[in-house]
Amino acid sequence: AFYTDSYARDLPNGTHPLVDFLDRGALAGRLPTPLPERIAVVVHAFHLDVLGDLCSYLAHLTNDADQYVTYPDHFGSEERGYIAERFPKAQLLPVRNAGQDVGALLALSRVVDFSTYDVVLKLHTKKGQRSPVRWRHGLLRGVLGSTSQVRDTLAAFRRDRHLILSGARQLYLHGPSNL
């Protein structure tokens, strides 16, 4: 029903929606079912001076998403207030700042049941030692570069339940040489 309703103008008369999807719809990037309904955005706010970058890229995510922001447990009220201004809809949680990029996510997973989400978008206030601005923007563009890219990425997760990671492939292979 979703496919027929969404692509009725493009379906040749008498063509079964499943046949159309298999013949040409999948190649055209059409979705057989709606996009994921439950999305969680998880941000670890360590470098507060780059939260503006994250928020700009997150604007490309047009789906309603639950937001969780972890931050180092030693942050004071000024830092927490700054984070709350940038993420007014987020649940803020202090965590021990350990375990590099994934440590905060693991700490959060003790409190939040991520199995109830179709997609979890994990972001970190990345800086890096060499070319931190280029590195951060390269990583963010790899998942949130545009509204259409976000739509296509979510569609890929919907089509392939085995897909577990999305990002700029060249940066995961060897970031410094692929910036």
Protein backbone atom coordinates (compact mmCIF):
# COMPACT_ATOMS: atom_id res chain seq x y z
CA ALA A 1 0.00 0.00 0.00
CA PHE A 2 2.83 2.42 0.85
CA TYR A 3 4.56 1.84 -2.49
CA THR A 4 1.34 2.17 -4.48
CA ASP A 5 0.33 5.36 -2.64
CA SER A 6 3.79 6.89 -2.95
CA TYR A 7 4.47 6.11 -6.60
CA ALA A 8 1.00 5.82 -8.14
CA ARG A 9 1.82 8.29 -10.93
CA ASP A 10 4.86 6.25 -11.98
CA LEU A 11 3.21 2.81 -11.95
CA PRO A 12 2.28 1.58 -15.43
CA ASN A 13 -1.36 0.49 -15.66
CA GLY A 14 -1.86 -3.08 -14.54
CA THR A 15 1.65 -3.49 -13.11
CA HIS A 16 1.78 -5.09 -9.70
CA PRO A 17 3.66 -2.82 -7.21
CA LEU A 18 6.03 -5.60 -6.17
CA VAL A 19 6.96 -6.33 -9.78
CA ASP A 20 7.54 -2.64 -10.43
CA PHE A 21 9.74 -2.34 -7.35
CA LEU A 22 11.81 -5.37 -8.32
CA ASP A 23 12.08 -4.33 -11.99
CA ARG A 24 12.89 -0.67 -11.63
CA GLY A 25 11.80 0.86 -8.33
CA ALA A 26 14.72 -0.35 -6.23
CA LEU A 27 17.22 0.89 -8.82
CA ALA A 28 15.48 4.26 -8.84
CA GLY A 29 15.86 4.50 -5.06
CA ARG A 30 12.19 4.06 -4.30
CA LEU A 31 11.24 2.76 -0.90
CA PRO A 32 9.06 -0.33 -0.54
CA THR A 33 8.01 0.75 2.95
CA PRO A 34 8.11 4.01 4.92
CA LEU A 35 11.37 5.34 6.29
CA PRO A 36 12.35 4.28 9.79
CA GLU A 37 9.95 5.66 12.31
CA ARG A 38 12.15 5.66 15.39
CA ILE A 39 15.43 7.50 15.18
CA ALA A 40 17.71 8.36 18.08
CA VAL A 41 20.34 11.07 17.78
CA VAL A 42 23.16 10.59 20.26
CA VAL A 43 25.72 13.36 20.68
CA HIS A 44 28.68 13.30 23.00
CA ALA A 45 29.40 16.96 23.75
CA PHE A 46 33.04 17.18 24.74
CA HIS A 47 34.33 20.05 22.58
CA LEU A 48 31.59 22.64 23.07
CA ASP A 49 33.01 25.03 20.48
CA VAL A 50 31.95 22.67 17.67
CA LEU A 51 28.32 22.14 18.73
CA GLY A 52 27.27 24.73 16.15
CA ASP A 53 28.71 22.52 13.39
CA LEU A 54 26.77 19.52 14.66
CA CYS A 55 23.53 21.46 14.88
CA SER A 56 23.95 22.78 11.32
CA TYR A 57 24.36 19.29 9.92
CA LEU A 58 21.57 17.88 12.11
CA ALA A 59 19.19 20.35 10.43
CA HIS A 60 19.33 18.00 7.41
CA LEU A 61 17.62 15.32 9.49
CA THR A 62 13.98 16.19 8.84
CA ASN A 63 12.57 13.17 10.69
CA ASP A 64 11.50 13.65 14.26
CA ALA A 65 14.19 12.03 16.36
CA ASP A 66 14.69 11.48 20.05
CA GLN A 67 17.81 13.34 21.12
CA TYR A 68 20.29 12.31 23.78
CA VAL A 69 23.33 14.37 24.64
CA THR A 70 26.00 13.00 26.91
CA TYR A 71 28.66 15.24 28.37
CA PRO A 72 31.60 14.76 30.75
CA ASP A 73 30.43 14.49 34.34
CA HIS A 74 32.87 17.20 35.43
CA PHE A 75 31.10 19.90 33.36
CA GLY A 76 29.64 22.72 35.45
CA SER A 77 26.34 24.53 35.14
CA GLU A 78 27.67 26.95 32.50
CA GLU A 79 28.69 24.12 30.15
CA ARG A 80 25.44 22.23 30.79
CA GLY A 81 23.44 25.40 30.08
CA TYR A 82 25.28 25.92 26.80
CA ILE A 83 24.51 22.35 25.73
CA ALA A 84 20.84 22.72 26.74
CA GLU A 85 20.57 25.88 24.58
CA ARG A 86 21.89 24.04 21.54
CA PHE A 87 19.77 20.92 22.13
CA PRO A 88 16.54 22.10 23.79
CA LYS A 89 14.69 18.83 22.98
CA ALA A 90 17.45 16.54 24.20
CA GLN A 91 17.72 14.45 27.29
CA LEU A 92 21.07 15.48 28.82
CA LEU A 93 23.11 12.90 30.69
CA PRO A 94 26.48 13.28 32.42
CA VAL A 95 28.90 10.40 31.82
CA ARG A 96 32.45 9.57 32.74
CA ASN A 97 34.55 10.80 29.82
CA ALA A 98 36.33 7.53 29.07
CA GLY A 99 36.46 5.04 26.23
CA GLN A 100 37.10 7.47 23.39
CA ASP A 101 34.22 7.91 20.92
CA VAL A 102 32.21 4.89 21.97
CA GLY A 103 32.55 5.14 25.77
CA ALA A 104 29.76 7.69 26.18
CA LEU A 105 27.45 5.62 23.97
CA LEU A 106 28.09 2.53 26.07
CA ALA A 107 27.38 4.49 29.25
CA LEU A 108 24.17 5.85 27.74
CA SER A 109 23.08 2.37 26.65
CA ARG A 110 22.81 1.42 30.32
CA VAL A 111 20.02 4.00 30.62
CA VAL A 112 18.42 4.00 27.16
CA ASP A 113 17.09 0.91 25.37
CA PHE A 114 18.36 1.47 21.84
CA SER A 115 16.75 -1.75 20.60
CA THR A 116 13.49 0.23 20.32
CA TYR A 117 14.99 2.40 17.57
CA ASP A 118 15.27 1.66 13.87
CA VAL A 119 18.35 3.87 13.52
CA VAL A 120 20.78 5.35 16.04
CA LEU A 121 22.78 8.31 14.76
CA LYS A 122 25.89 8.64 16.94
CA LEU A 123 27.84 11.88 16.70
CA HIS A 124 30.85 13.12 18.59
CA THR A 125 32.31 16.63 18.79
CA LYS A 126 35.34 15.50 16.81
CA LYS A 127 38.47 17.59 16.59
CA GLY A 128 41.44 15.33 15.89
CA GLN A 129 45.11 16.23 15.93
CA ARG A 130 45.64 16.95 12.26
CA SER A 131 43.24 19.04 10.18
CA PRO A 132 40.47 18.95 12.82
CA VAL A 133 38.03 21.16 10.89
CA ARG A 134 38.40 19.21 7.64
CA TRP A 135 38.19 15.90 9.53
CA ARG A 136 35.03 16.88 11.41
CA HIS A 137 33.27 18.27 8.35
CA GLY A 138 34.30 15.26 6.28
CA LEU A 139 32.78 12.92 8.85
CA LEU A 140 29.60 14.98 9.22
CA ARG A 141 29.16 15.38 5.44
CA GLY A 142 29.49 11.61 5.20
CA VAL A 143 26.21 11.10 7.06
CA LEU A 144 24.41 14.46 7.20
CA GLY A 145 25.64 16.33 4.12
CA SER A 146 22.19 17.19 2.77
CA THR A 147 18.54 16.41 3.29
CA SER A 148 18.53 14.08 0.28
CA GLN A 149 21.64 12.26 1.56
CA VAL A 150 19.97 11.69 4.93
CA ARG A 151 16.84 10.43 3.15
CA ASP A 152 18.89 8.05 1.00
CA THR A 153 20.89 6.79 3.99
CA LEU A 154 17.74 6.11 6.00
CA ALA A 155 16.29 4.32 2.97
CA ALA A 156 19.41 2.13 2.83
CA PHE A 157 18.90 1.14 6.46
CA ARG A 158 15.25 0.35 5.72
CA ARG A 159 16.15 -1.82 2.71
CA ASP A 160 19.01 -3.70 4.35
CA ARG A 161 18.46 -4.76 7.96
CA HIS A 162 22.08 -6.03 8.01
CA LEU A 163 23.44 -2.53 7.46
CA ILE A 164 24.99 -1.40 10.72
CA LEU A 165 27.24 1.56 9.92
CA SER A 166 27.09 4.49 7.57
CA GLY A 167 29.65 7.16 6.86
CA ALA A 168 32.27 8.40 4.47
CA ARG A 169 33.99 5.11 3.54
CA GLN A 170 37.32 6.68 2.67
CA LEU A 171 37.56 8.32 6.10
CA TYR A 172 36.96 5.01 7.85
CA LEU A 173 39.58 3.28 5.72
CA HIS A 174 42.28 5.84 6.43
CA GLY A 175 41.10 9.33 7.27
CA PRO A 176 44.32 11.34 7.08
CA SER A 177 45.09 10.25 3.53
CA ASN A 178 41.52 10.72 2.32
CA LEU A 179 40.61 14.17 3.60
